[in-house]
Protein backbone atom coordinates (compact mmCIF):
# COMPACT_ATOMS: atom_id res chain seq x y z
CA UNK A 1 -32.98 -51.05 -13.11
CA UNK A 2 -31.31 -49.51 -10.06
CA UNK A 3 -28.28 -47.25 -10.17
CA UNK A 4 -25.95 -47.10 -7.23
CA UNK A 5 -23.96 -43.74 -6.46
CA UNK A 6 -20.81 -43.89 -4.37
CA UNK A 7 -21.59 -41.52 -1.47
CA UNK A 8 -17.98 -40.43 -1.09
CA UNK A 9 -17.74 -39.37 -4.75
CA UNK A 10 -20.94 -37.51 -4.60
CA UNK A 11 -19.64 -35.54 -1.63
CA UNK A 12 -16.44 -34.59 -3.45
CA UNK A 13 -18.51 -33.51 -6.36
CA UNK A 14 -20.64 -31.19 -4.24
CA UNK A 15 -17.51 -29.66 -2.64
CA UNK A 16 -15.88 -28.98 -5.88
CA UNK A 17 -19.16 -27.37 -7.26
CA UNK A 18 -19.46 -25.00 -4.33
CA UNK A 19 -15.71 -24.17 -4.53
CA UNK A 20 -16.08 -23.33 -8.25
CA UNK A 21 -19.15 -21.19 -7.57
CA UNK A 22 -17.20 -19.17 -5.01
CA UNK A 23 -14.26 -18.64 -7.36
CA UNK A 24 -16.58 -17.70 -10.12
CA UNK A 25 -18.15 -15.03 -8.02
CA UNK A 26 -14.80 -13.67 -7.06
CA UNK A 27 -15.07 -15.12 -3.45
CA UNK A 28 -11.44 -16.36 -3.45
CA UNK A 29 -9.97 -12.97 -4.48
CA UNK A 30 -12.32 -11.29 -1.87
CA UNK A 31 -10.98 -13.51 0.78
CA UNK A 32 -7.37 -12.65 -0.17
CA UNK A 33 -8.17 -9.02 -0.13
CA UNK A 34 -9.64 -9.29 3.30
CA UNK A 35 -6.32 -10.88 4.61
CA UNK A 36 -4.22 -8.21 2.87
CA UNK A 37 -2.78 -5.53 5.29
CA UNK A 38 -0.28 -2.80 4.93
CA UNK A 39 1.24 -0.12 7.13
CA UNK A 40 3.36 2.92 6.19
CA UNK A 41 6.62 3.83 7.90
CA UNK A 42 8.62 7.11 7.79
CA UNK A 43 12.04 6.46 9.34
CA UNK A 44 13.43 9.22 11.58
CA UNK A 45 17.15 9.39 12.60
CA UNK A 46 17.81 11.35 15.59
CA UNK A 47 21.10 9.74 16.36
CA UNK A 48 24.69 11.27 15.74
CA UNK A 49 25.38 9.13 12.69
CA UNK A 50 23.80 7.74 9.49
CA UNK A 51 21.64 4.56 10.00
CA UNK A 52 19.97 1.71 8.20
CA UNK A 53 16.51 0.50 9.12
CA UNK A 54 15.37 -2.97 8.94
CA UNK A 55 12.01 -4.64 8.97
CA UNK A 56 11.25 -8.36 9.31
CA UNK A 57 8.08 -10.35 9.73
CA UNK A 58 8.32 -11.93 13.18
CA UNK A 59 8.55 -15.52 13.79
CA UNK A 60 7.87 -16.63 17.34
CA UNK A 61 10.16 -19.46 17.38
CA UNK A 62 13.18 -17.36 15.80
CA UNK A 63 12.30 -14.02 17.41
CA UNK A 64 14.97 -11.46 16.14
CA UNK A 65 17.27 -13.91 14.18
CA UNK A 66 18.22 -12.58 10.84
CA UNK A 67 16.62 -9.15 11.32
CA UNK A 68 19.95 -7.51 10.19
CA UNK A 69 20.42 -9.58 7.21
CA UNK A 70 20.72 -7.33 4.12
CA UNK A 71 17.45 -8.73 2.59
CA UNK A 72 15.70 -7.18 5.46
CA UNK A 73 17.13 -3.67 5.14
CA UNK A 74 14.40 -1.40 3.76
CA UNK A 75 16.30 1.94 3.83
CA UNK A 76 19.93 2.87 3.98
CA UNK A 77 22.21 5.80 5.21
CA UNK A 78 19.54 8.07 6.61
CA UNK A 79 21.67 11.05 7.61
CA UNK A 80 21.63 12.26 11.38
CA UNK A 81 18.77 14.51 12.39
CA UNK A 82 16.71 13.82 9.36
CA UNK A 83 13.61 11.80 8.15
CA UNK A 84 13.67 9.32 5.37
CA UNK A 85 11.15 8.36 2.74
CA UNK A 86 7.98 6.56 3.51
CA UNK A 87 8.14 2.73 3.03
CA UNK A 88 4.89 0.66 2.76
CA UNK A 89 5.11 -2.72 4.55
CA UNK A 90 2.59 -5.31 3.29
CA UNK A 91 1.62 -8.50 5.28
CA UNK A 92 -1.16 -10.93 6.04
CA UNK A 93 -3.78 -10.47 8.74
CA UNK A 94 -2.83 -13.92 10.15
CA UNK A 95 0.80 -12.47 11.16
CA UNK A 96 0.63 -8.74 12.10
CA UNK A 97 3.81 -8.95 14.28
CA UNK A 98 6.91 -7.15 13.02
CA UNK A 99 10.52 -6.90 14.02
CA UNK A 100 12.02 -3.34 13.52
CA UNK A 101 15.76 -2.66 13.74
CA UNK A 102 18.26 0.19 13.24
CA UNK A 103 22.01 0.17 13.19
CA UNK A 104 25.09 2.27 12.19
CA UNK A 105 25.44 2.45 8.37
CA UNK A 106 29.21 2.62 8.55
CA UNK A 107 30.35 0.41 11.45
CA UNK A 108 27.23 -1.96 11.03
CA UNK A 109 27.10 -1.83 14.88
CA UNK A 110 25.14 0.00 17.53
CA UNK A 111 22.09 -2.19 16.82
CA UNK A 112 18.78 -1.62 18.42
CA UNK A 113 15.51 -3.55 17.84
CA UNK A 114 12.01 -4.10 18.97
CA UNK A 115 8.71 -5.64 17.79
CA UNK A 116 5.09 -4.55 17.61
CA UNK A 117 1.81 -5.96 16.55
CA UNK A 118 0.56 -3.70 13.68
CA UNK A 119 -2.86 -2.34 12.95
CA UNK A 120 -4.20 -2.18 9.40
CA UNK A 121 -3.45 0.90 7.28
CA UNK A 122 -1.80 2.79 10.06
CA UNK A 123 0.91 5.41 9.33
CA UNK A 124 3.99 5.34 11.68
CA UNK A 125 7.07 7.26 12.55
CA UNK A 126 9.78 4.79 13.45
CA UNK A 127 12.24 7.00 15.47
CA UNK A 128 15.94 6.08 16.38
CA UNK A 129 16.91 8.23 19.24
CA UNK A 130 19.68 8.59 21.89
CA UNK A 131 18.95 7.67 25.54
CA UNK A 132 22.03 8.82 27.50
CA UNK A 133 24.37 7.07 25.06
CA UNK A 134 22.23 4.11 24.34
CA UNK A 135 20.40 3.70 21.01
CA UNK A 136 16.56 3.35 21.26
CA UNK A 137 13.66 2.85 18.83
CA UNK A 138 10.16 4.24 19.10
CA UNK A 139 7.16 3.50 17.20
CA UNK A 140 4.63 6.41 16.91
CA UNK A 141 1.48 6.70 14.99
CA UNK A 142 1.46 9.69 12.64
CA UNK A 143 -1.31 12.12 13.49
CA UNK A 144 -2.23 15.15 11.68
CA UNK A 145 -3.64 18.26 13.40
CA UNK A 146 -3.66 20.88 10.54
CA UNK A 147 -5.55 24.01 11.08
CA UNK A 148 -5.61 27.01 8.84
CA UNK A 149 -3.28 29.95 10.21
CA UNK A 150 -1.94 27.79 13.15
CA UNK A 151 1.34 26.13 13.66
CA UNK A 152 0.73 22.87 15.67
CA UNK A 153 3.60 20.92 17.01
CA UNK A 154 4.03 17.90 19.24
CA UNK A 155 7.24 16.97 20.91
CA UNK A 156 9.22 13.85 21.37
CA UNK A 157 12.04 14.17 23.75
CA UNK A 158 14.79 12.15 25.33
CA UNK A 159 14.11 13.46 28.79
CA UNK A 160 11.77 15.61 30.81
CA UNK A 161 11.87 19.24 29.91
CA UNK A 162 9.51 21.99 31.00
CA UNK A 163 7.33 23.27 28.12
CA UNK A 164 6.30 26.98 27.66
CA UNK A 165 3.79 27.73 24.99
CA UNK A 166 2.81 31.40 24.09
CA UNK A 167 4.46 32.67 27.41
CA UNK A 168 2.57 30.31 29.65
CA UNK A 169 3.65 26.97 31.32
CA UNK A 170 2.34 23.91 29.24
CA UNK A 171 3.57 20.98 31.30
CA UNK A 172 6.66 18.94 30.46
CA UNK A 173 7.89 16.28 28.05
CA UNK A 174 8.12 12.51 29.09
CA UNK A 175 11.22 10.54 28.12
CA UNK A 176 10.68 8.54 24.90
CA UNK A 177 7.04 9.71 24.41
CA UNK A 178 5.19 12.20 22.32
CA UNK A 179 3.19 14.94 23.69
CA UNK A 180 -0.28 16.35 22.62
CA UNK A 181 -0.16 19.00 20.22
CA UNK A 182 0.56 22.67 20.88
CA UNK A 183 -0.65 25.60 18.97
CA UNK A 184 1.79 28.36 18.50
CA UNK A 185 1.19 32.11 17.98
CA UNK A 186 4.67 32.79 16.72
CA UNK A 187 7.17 30.42 15.00
CA UNK A 188 10.19 32.09 16.66
CA UNK A 189 9.34 32.67 20.31
CA UNK A 190 6.21 30.89 21.29
CA UNK A 191 7.84 27.49 22.03
CA UNK A 192 10.48 27.05 24.87
CA UNK A 193 11.83 23.92 26.35
CA UNK A 194 13.55 24.55 29.71
CA UNK A 195 13.33 28.21 28.92
CA UNK A 196 15.29 27.93 25.74
CA UNK A 197 13.36 29.27 22.55
CA UNK A 198 12.79 26.88 19.67
CA UNK A 199 12.88 28.41 16.24
CA UNK A 200 10.36 26.83 14.02
CA UNK A 201 10.26 29.47 11.25
CA UNK A 202 11.25 26.91 8.63
CA UNK A 203 7.84 25.23 9.02
CA UNK A 204 4.52 26.32 7.42
CA UNK A 205 1.48 27.73 9.09
CA UNK A 206 -1.64 25.55 8.68
CA UNK A 207 0.48 22.33 9.19
CA UNK A 208 1.26 20.15 11.96
CA UNK A 209 4.72 18.64 12.90
CA UNK A 210 6.50 16.12 15.15
CA UNK A 211 9.40 17.80 16.82
CA UNK A 212 12.44 15.74 18.12
CA UNK A 213 14.23 17.34 20.93
CA UNK A 214 17.08 16.86 23.33
CA UNK A 215 18.86 19.11 26.00
CA UNK A 216 20.15 21.28 23.39
CA UNK A 217 16.89 22.04 21.80
CA UNK A 218 15.46 20.87 18.42
CA UNK A 219 17.37 18.05 16.73
CA UNK A 220 14.90 17.97 13.78
CA UNK A 221 11.24 18.48 12.77
CA UNK A 222 9.05 16.65 10.32
CA UNK A 223 5.52 17.25 8.96
CA UNK A 224 2.96 14.94 10.18
């Protein structure tokens, strides 16, 4: 007696067997973990009023539409010249593009936005700052440069300012960019911007910091 097997049904059975084997071995879970991504954001407000920060997964077709809806607000009312808490943003590797926005907490105006493509497990500063009366956003990767007995500082400024470190010229800042780290001998007199001394004695030796500065000197300083 001959038995005839439907080739289509046989193929389906084979596929189901393979999928079942992968699931049983944790393959599907492993694949999900491979696609999971996260980045940490610490929000910095160097503006003259309290602000809210918004994050939204970017859709190419809609661009920034809906960014400032309340559901995308991830932190609120960060006071001027201060850093907020760290927020972990989770996403899939298939869409690492992110919209970011900031606006005035009271007026719900003065909006600024940008978008970036993220790298997995990065730690970022998202800095709201003033550029001659215009709001700007800058995304900086957080970088530690801790050294025992040393005070290490890098500077983010709204314009070009001459830098003096430990009594010697050390170049200048660039608008909207962070410098390399500078090691200071003294927290009170070692760092000058445009010949104005910056007092950093509220900081800890052995740690590294991001200093936000304008023409008046230091606006705020935050530990890397």
